Amino acid sequence: MIYGLAKLNGVHPVLGAATLWLSVRSAYDWKVVSGMRDFSLQRDLYAMGRTAPGAVVTDAPAGSSAHEFGLAVDVQPPADKGLSVIQDS
């Protein structure tokens, strides 16, 4: 099962289909936490931990994220199953 399917709106159709395909074959439930982003959202996310309060959440400045082109999806594993998020740095 996958939650947050609305966040797949705007992503490339092949990526959306692949995300769904993988989720139904997984033994776990997953949540889509981010899909398509516009320039202003990417700009705001990039500012976090730099010029805005909060932790750094992305290394991609606005205009350079695959999310802005519908070519990236972030999913979150179920923490209650002992899985954790791995952040690439």
N, C-alpha and C. Protein backbone atom coordinates (compact mmCIF):
# COMPACT_ATOMS: atom_id res chain seq x y z
N MET A 1 0.85 -1.18 0.00
CA MET A 1 0.00 0.00 0.00
C MET A 1 0.89 1.23 0.00
N ILE A 2 0.44 2.24 -0.71
CA ILE A 2 1.17 3.51 -0.72
C ILE A 2 0.20 4.63 -0.40
N TYR A 3 0.64 5.55 0.40
CA TYR A 3 -0.16 6.69 0.81
C TYR A 3 0.40 7.96 0.16
N GLY A 4 -0.40 9.00 0.10
CA GLY A 4 0.06 10.26 -0.47
C GLY A 4 0.10 10.26 -1.98
N LEU A 5 -0.81 9.50 -2.60
CA LEU A 5 -0.81 9.37 -4.06
C LEU A 5 -1.01 10.71 -4.77
N ALA A 6 -1.68 11.65 -4.13
CA ALA A 6 -1.89 12.96 -4.75
C ALA A 6 -0.56 13.65 -5.06
N LYS A 7 0.48 13.30 -4.29
CA LYS A 7 1.79 13.92 -4.52
C LYS A 7 2.47 13.40 -5.79
N LEU A 8 1.87 12.38 -6.42
CA LEU A 8 2.40 11.90 -7.70
C LEU A 8 1.86 12.73 -8.87
N ASN A 9 0.88 13.60 -8.61
CA ASN A 9 0.36 14.46 -9.67
C ASN A 9 1.48 15.32 -10.23
N GLY A 10 1.63 15.31 -11.53
CA GLY A 10 2.63 16.13 -12.19
C GLY A 10 3.96 15.43 -12.44
N VAL A 11 4.19 14.26 -11.82
CA VAL A 11 5.44 13.56 -12.11
C VAL A 11 5.30 12.83 -13.45
N HIS A 12 6.42 12.51 -14.04
CA HIS A 12 6.41 11.81 -15.33
C HIS A 12 5.58 10.54 -15.18
N PRO A 13 4.72 10.23 -16.14
CA PRO A 13 3.84 9.06 -16.03
C PRO A 13 4.58 7.75 -15.79
N VAL A 14 5.73 7.58 -16.40
CA VAL A 14 6.49 6.34 -16.20
C VAL A 14 7.00 6.26 -14.76
N LEU A 15 7.45 7.37 -14.21
CA LEU A 15 7.90 7.39 -12.82
C LEU A 15 6.74 7.12 -11.86
N GLY A 16 5.59 7.73 -12.12
CA GLY A 16 4.42 7.48 -11.28
C GLY A 16 4.02 6.02 -11.32
N ALA A 17 4.00 5.43 -12.51
CA ALA A 17 3.64 4.02 -12.65
C ALA A 17 4.66 3.12 -11.96
N ALA A 18 5.94 3.45 -12.08
CA ALA A 18 6.99 2.65 -11.44
C ALA A 18 6.88 2.74 -9.92
N THR A 19 6.56 3.91 -9.41
CA THR A 19 6.40 4.07 -7.96
C THR A 19 5.25 3.21 -7.47
N LEU A 20 4.14 3.22 -8.18
CA LEU A 20 3.00 2.38 -7.80
C LEU A 20 3.34 0.91 -7.92
N TRP A 21 4.00 0.53 -9.00
CA TRP A 21 4.37 -0.87 -9.24
C TRP A 21 5.23 -1.40 -8.10
N LEU A 22 6.24 -0.61 -7.71
CA LEU A 22 7.12 -1.04 -6.62
C LEU A 22 6.38 -1.12 -5.29
N SER A 23 5.48 -0.18 -5.07
CA SER A 23 4.78 -0.16 -3.78
C SER A 23 3.87 -1.37 -3.59
N VAL A 24 3.21 -1.81 -4.64
CA VAL A 24 2.31 -2.95 -4.49
C VAL A 24 3.09 -4.26 -4.34
N ARG A 25 4.34 -4.26 -4.71
CA ARG A 25 5.17 -5.46 -4.56
C ARG A 25 5.98 -5.47 -3.27
N SER A 26 5.87 -4.39 -2.52
CA SER A 26 6.62 -4.27 -1.27
C SER A 26 5.85 -4.92 -0.12
N ALA A 27 6.57 -5.42 0.84
CA ALA A 27 5.94 -5.98 2.04
C ALA A 27 5.53 -4.88 3.01
N TYR A 28 5.85 -3.63 2.71
CA TYR A 28 5.59 -2.51 3.61
C TYR A 28 4.66 -1.49 2.97
N ASP A 29 4.07 -0.68 3.82
CA ASP A 29 3.32 0.48 3.35
C ASP A 29 4.31 1.63 3.19
N TRP A 30 4.09 2.46 2.19
CA TRP A 30 4.98 3.59 1.91
C TRP A 30 4.16 4.85 1.78
N LYS A 31 4.81 5.98 1.99
CA LYS A 31 4.16 7.27 1.85
C LYS A 31 4.96 8.14 0.89
N VAL A 32 4.30 8.68 -0.13
CA VAL A 32 4.95 9.63 -1.02
C VAL A 32 4.98 10.97 -0.27
N VAL A 33 6.16 11.49 -0.03
CA VAL A 33 6.28 12.75 0.71
C VAL A 33 6.57 13.92 -0.21
N SER A 34 7.03 13.66 -1.42
CA SER A 34 7.30 14.74 -2.35
C SER A 34 7.34 14.20 -3.77
N GLY A 35 6.76 14.95 -4.66
CA GLY A 35 6.79 14.61 -6.08
C GLY A 35 7.19 15.85 -6.86
N MET A 36 6.27 16.33 -7.68
CA MET A 36 6.52 17.53 -8.49
C MET A 36 6.62 18.76 -7.58
N ARG A 37 7.63 19.58 -7.82
CA ARG A 37 7.79 20.84 -7.09
C ARG A 37 7.95 21.97 -8.09
N ASP A 38 7.40 23.13 -7.76
CA ASP A 38 7.64 24.28 -8.63
C ASP A 38 8.90 25.01 -8.15
N PHE A 39 9.34 25.97 -8.95
CA PHE A 39 10.57 26.72 -8.68
C PHE A 39 10.55 27.36 -7.30
N SER A 40 9.43 27.99 -6.93
CA SER A 40 9.39 28.70 -5.65
C SER A 40 9.47 27.75 -4.46
N LEU A 41 8.83 26.58 -4.55
CA LEU A 41 8.93 25.62 -3.46
C LEU A 41 10.36 25.10 -3.34
N GLN A 42 10.99 24.80 -4.47
CA GLN A 42 12.38 24.32 -4.43
C GLN A 42 13.29 25.39 -3.84
N ARG A 43 13.06 26.66 -4.20
CA ARG A 43 13.84 27.77 -3.66
C ARG A 43 13.69 27.83 -2.13
N ASP A 44 12.45 27.70 -1.66
CA ASP A 44 12.19 27.75 -0.22
C ASP A 44 12.81 26.56 0.50
N LEU A 45 12.74 25.37 -0.09
CA LEU A 45 13.35 24.19 0.53
C LEU A 45 14.87 24.33 0.59
N TYR A 46 15.46 24.86 -0.47
CA TYR A 46 16.91 25.04 -0.49
C TYR A 46 17.36 26.06 0.55
N ALA A 47 16.54 27.05 0.82
CA ALA A 47 16.88 28.07 1.82
C ALA A 47 16.90 27.51 3.24
N MET A 48 16.14 26.44 3.49
CA MET A 48 16.08 25.87 4.84
C MET A 48 17.46 25.43 5.29
N GLY A 49 17.81 25.87 6.48
CA GLY A 49 19.11 25.53 7.05
C GLY A 49 20.24 26.40 6.51
N ARG A 50 19.91 27.27 5.60
CA ARG A 50 20.91 28.19 5.05
C ARG A 50 20.53 29.62 5.42
N THR A 51 19.51 30.15 4.75
CA THR A 51 19.07 31.52 5.05
C THR A 51 17.72 31.54 5.75
N ALA A 52 17.11 30.38 5.92
CA ALA A 52 15.83 30.23 6.63
C ALA A 52 16.02 29.23 7.76
N PRO A 53 15.20 29.35 8.81
CA PRO A 53 15.32 28.41 9.93
C PRO A 53 15.04 26.97 9.50
N GLY A 54 15.61 26.04 10.25
CA GLY A 54 15.37 24.63 10.00
C GLY A 54 16.63 23.92 9.56
N ALA A 55 16.47 22.63 9.35
CA ALA A 55 17.58 21.80 8.89
C ALA A 55 17.67 21.84 7.37
N VAL A 56 18.85 21.61 6.85
CA VAL A 56 19.02 21.50 5.40
C VAL A 56 18.26 20.25 4.93
N VAL A 57 17.41 20.42 3.92
CA VAL A 57 16.62 19.30 3.43
C VAL A 57 16.91 18.94 1.98
N THR A 58 17.67 19.78 1.28
CA THR A 58 18.03 19.48 -0.11
C THR A 58 19.36 20.14 -0.46
N ASP A 59 20.06 19.52 -1.36
CA ASP A 59 21.30 20.11 -1.87
C ASP A 59 21.09 20.75 -3.24
N ALA A 60 19.87 20.68 -3.76
CA ALA A 60 19.59 21.17 -5.11
C ALA A 60 18.96 22.56 -5.06
N PRO A 61 19.67 23.56 -5.57
CA PRO A 61 19.05 24.89 -5.65
C PRO A 61 17.91 24.90 -6.67
N ALA A 62 17.06 25.90 -6.57
CA ALA A 62 15.96 26.05 -7.52
C ALA A 62 16.51 26.07 -8.94
N GLY A 63 15.83 25.35 -9.81
CA GLY A 63 16.25 25.26 -11.20
C GLY A 63 17.10 24.04 -11.51
N SER A 64 17.51 23.32 -10.46
CA SER A 64 18.40 22.17 -10.70
C SER A 64 17.90 20.86 -10.09
N SER A 65 16.70 20.87 -9.54
CA SER A 65 16.17 19.65 -8.93
C SER A 65 15.35 18.85 -9.93
N ALA A 66 15.55 17.54 -9.92
CA ALA A 66 14.75 16.66 -10.78
C ALA A 66 13.27 16.74 -10.43
N HIS A 67 12.96 17.14 -9.18
CA HIS A 67 11.56 17.29 -8.77
C HIS A 67 10.86 18.36 -9.61
N GLU A 68 11.58 19.39 -10.01
CA GLU A 68 10.98 20.48 -10.78
C GLU A 68 10.59 20.07 -12.20
N PHE A 69 11.12 18.95 -12.64
CA PHE A 69 10.83 18.44 -13.98
C PHE A 69 9.96 17.19 -13.93
N GLY A 70 9.48 16.84 -12.72
CA GLY A 70 8.64 15.67 -12.56
C GLY A 70 9.39 14.36 -12.67
N LEU A 71 10.69 14.41 -12.40
CA LEU A 71 11.54 13.23 -12.57
C LEU A 71 12.07 12.66 -11.26
N ALA A 72 11.45 13.04 -10.14
CA ALA A 72 11.89 12.51 -8.84
C ALA A 72 10.69 12.37 -7.91
N VAL A 73 10.75 11.36 -7.09
CA VAL A 73 9.73 11.11 -6.07
C VAL A 73 10.47 10.72 -4.79
N ASP A 74 10.07 11.32 -3.68
CA ASP A 74 10.61 10.92 -2.38
C ASP A 74 9.55 10.10 -1.67
N VAL A 75 9.94 8.94 -1.17
CA VAL A 75 9.03 8.11 -0.39
C VAL A 75 9.61 7.90 1.00
N GLN A 76 8.72 7.68 1.93
CA GLN A 76 9.12 7.48 3.32
C GLN A 76 8.74 6.08 3.76
N PRO A 77 9.69 5.35 4.30
CA PRO A 77 9.37 4.00 4.78
C PRO A 77 8.62 4.06 6.11
N PRO A 78 7.98 2.98 6.47
CA PRO A 78 7.24 2.95 7.73
C PRO A 78 8.20 2.83 8.92
N ALA A 79 8.26 3.83 9.75
CA ALA A 79 9.17 3.82 10.90
C ALA A 79 8.80 2.73 11.90
N ASP A 80 7.52 2.38 11.97
CA ASP A 80 7.10 1.36 12.94
C ASP A 80 7.56 -0.05 12.56
N LYS A 81 8.16 -0.21 11.39
CA LYS A 81 8.68 -1.52 10.98
C LYS A 81 10.19 -1.60 11.17
N GLY A 82 10.76 -0.61 11.85
CA GLY A 82 12.19 -0.62 12.10
C GLY A 82 13.01 -0.08 10.95
N LEU A 83 12.34 0.50 9.95
CA LEU A 83 13.05 1.10 8.83
C LEU A 83 13.25 2.58 9.12
N SER A 84 14.28 3.14 8.55
CA SER A 84 14.52 4.57 8.76
C SER A 84 14.90 5.24 7.45
N VAL A 85 14.76 6.54 7.44
CA VAL A 85 15.09 7.32 6.24
C VAL A 85 16.59 7.49 6.18
N ILE A 86 17.17 7.25 5.01
CA ILE A 86 18.60 7.46 4.78
C ILE A 86 18.73 8.72 3.96
N GLN A 87 19.42 9.71 4.50
CA GLN A 87 19.60 10.95 3.77
C GLN A 87 20.95 10.94 3.10
N ASP A 88 20.93 11.10 1.80
CA ASP A 88 22.15 11.19 1.02
C ASP A 88 22.74 12.58 1.19
N SER A 89 24.00 12.65 1.56
CA SER A 89 24.59 13.99 1.76
C SER A 89 25.84 14.18 0.93
